[in-house]
């Protein structure tokens, strides 16, 4: 993930939470992006961890703790 600006793409969120990108797109639809991340020369919308749904935050944290 990109800790430099703490904004994460849907692909990064999906990988961290263990859900599909389609599920992330659907879940983030009512939440405005916090900014953009440059990926392969393109600005891609991104969201802050704190803006994610609480169950995603908990799952990402759980998976991070499990990995050590």
C-alpha atoms as a PDB file:
ATOM      1  CA  UNK A   1       0.000   0.000   0.000  1.00  0.00           C
ATOM      2  CA  UNK A   2       1.021   3.612  -0.292  1.00  0.00           C
ATOM      3  CA  UNK A   3       1.785   4.943   3.207  1.00  0.00           C
ATOM      4  CA  UNK A   4       3.277   8.156   1.813  1.00  0.00           C
ATOM      5  CA  UNK A   5      -0.093   9.834   1.397  1.00  0.00           C
ATOM      6  CA  UNK A   6      -2.405   7.289   3.089  1.00  0.00           C
ATOM      7  CA  UNK A   7      -4.722   7.156   0.089  1.00  0.00           C
ATOM      8  CA  UNK A   8      -5.478   3.734  -1.331  1.00  0.00           C
ATOM      9  CA  UNK A   9      -6.906   2.552  -4.646  1.00  0.00           C
ATOM     10  CA  UNK A  10      -9.766   0.098  -5.023  1.00  0.00           C
ATOM     11  CA  UNK A  11      -7.275  -2.598  -6.068  1.00  0.00           C
ATOM     12  CA  UNK A  12      -5.182  -2.020  -2.939  1.00  0.00           C
ATOM     13  CA  UNK A  13      -8.269  -2.039  -0.717  1.00  0.00           C
ATOM     14  CA  UNK A  14      -9.577  -5.221  -2.334  1.00  0.00           C
ATOM     15  CA  UNK A  15      -6.273  -7.014  -1.848  1.00  0.00           C
ATOM     16  CA  UNK A  16      -5.914  -5.888   1.768  1.00  0.00           C
ATOM     17  CA  UNK A  17      -9.507  -6.784   2.693  1.00  0.00           C
ATOM     18  CA  UNK A  18      -9.643 -10.017   0.712  1.00  0.00           C
ATOM     19  CA  UNK A  19     -12.658  -8.971  -1.339  1.00  0.00           C
ATOM     20  CA  UNK A  20     -13.207  -8.374  -5.043  1.00  0.00           C
ATOM     21  CA  UNK A  21     -12.611  -5.034  -6.737  1.00  0.00           C
ATOM     22  CA  UNK A  22     -16.256  -5.127  -7.805  1.00  0.00           C
ATOM     23  CA  UNK A  23     -17.315  -5.383  -4.143  1.00  0.00           C
ATOM     24  CA  UNK A  24     -15.023  -2.489  -3.280  1.00  0.00           C
ATOM     25  CA  UNK A  25     -16.469  -0.344  -6.094  1.00  0.00           C
ATOM     26  CA  UNK A  26     -20.003  -1.104  -4.908  1.00  0.00           C
ATOM     27  CA  UNK A  27     -19.172  -0.434  -1.259  1.00  0.00           C
ATOM     28  CA  UNK A  28     -17.379   2.835  -1.979  1.00  0.00           C
ATOM     29  CA  UNK A  29     -20.028   4.221  -4.314  1.00  0.00           C
ATOM     30  CA  UNK A  30     -21.591   6.486  -1.643  1.00  0.00           C
ATOM     31  CA  UNK A  31     -18.153   7.604  -0.344  1.00  0.00           C
ATOM     32  CA  UNK A  32     -16.331  10.386  -2.177  1.00  0.00           C
ATOM     33  CA  UNK A  33     -12.659   9.729  -2.997  1.00  0.00           C
ATOM     34  CA  UNK A  34     -10.194  11.529  -0.730  1.00  0.00           C
ATOM     35  CA  UNK A  35      -7.819  12.204  -3.583  1.00  0.00           C
ATOM     36  CA  UNK A  36      -5.925  10.511  -6.361  1.00  0.00           C
ATOM     37  CA  UNK A  37      -2.948   8.191  -6.640  1.00  0.00           C
ATOM     38  CA  UNK A  38      -0.656   8.160  -9.685  1.00  0.00           C
ATOM     39  CA  UNK A  39      -0.667   4.639 -11.167  1.00  0.00           C
ATOM     40  CA  UNK A  40       1.187   4.041 -14.443  1.00  0.00           C
ATOM     41  CA  UNK A  41       0.918   7.711 -15.353  1.00  0.00           C
ATOM     42  CA  UNK A  42      -2.802   8.000 -14.598  1.00  0.00           C
ATOM     43  CA  UNK A  43      -4.586   9.599 -11.665  1.00  0.00           C
ATOM     44  CA  UNK A  44      -6.660   6.892  -9.987  1.00  0.00           C
ATOM     45  CA  UNK A  45      -9.226   7.745  -7.280  1.00  0.00           C
ATOM     46  CA  UNK A  46      -8.225   6.804  -3.759  1.00  0.00           C
ATOM     47  CA  UNK A  47      -9.739   6.641  -0.281  1.00  0.00           C
ATOM     48  CA  UNK A  48      -8.361   7.047   3.243  1.00  0.00           C
ATOM     49  CA  UNK A  49      -8.437   4.038   5.562  1.00  0.00           C
ATOM     50  CA  UNK A  50     -10.653   5.959   8.014  1.00  0.00           C
ATOM     51  CA  UNK A  51     -13.240   6.556   5.267  1.00  0.00           C
ATOM     52  CA  UNK A  52     -13.696   2.837   4.536  1.00  0.00           C
ATOM     53  CA  UNK A  53     -16.682   0.949   5.943  1.00  0.00           C
ATOM     54  CA  UNK A  54     -15.950  -0.216   9.496  1.00  0.00           C
ATOM     55  CA  UNK A  55     -16.175  -3.932   8.653  1.00  0.00           C
ATOM     56  CA  UNK A  56     -13.485  -3.455   5.977  1.00  0.00           C
ATOM     57  CA  UNK A  57     -11.277  -1.560   8.421  1.00  0.00           C
ATOM     58  CA  UNK A  58     -11.618  -4.374  10.940  1.00  0.00           C
ATOM     59  CA  UNK A  59     -10.870  -7.084   8.353  1.00  0.00           C
ATOM     60  CA  UNK A  60      -7.818  -5.247   6.999  1.00  0.00           C
ATOM     61  CA  UNK A  61      -6.538  -4.733  10.544  1.00  0.00           C
ATOM     62  CA  UNK A  62      -7.209  -8.379  11.452  1.00  0.00           C
ATOM     63  CA  UNK A  63      -5.351  -9.598   8.370  1.00  0.00           C
ATOM     64  CA  UNK A  64      -2.439  -7.249   9.109  1.00  0.00           C
ATOM     65  CA  UNK A  65      -2.121  -8.445  12.700  1.00  0.00           C
ATOM     66  CA  UNK A  66      -2.301 -12.061  11.539  1.00  0.00           C
ATOM     67  CA  UNK A  67       0.600 -11.477   9.117  1.00  0.00           C
ATOM     68  CA  UNK A  68       2.651  -9.815  11.833  1.00  0.00           C
END
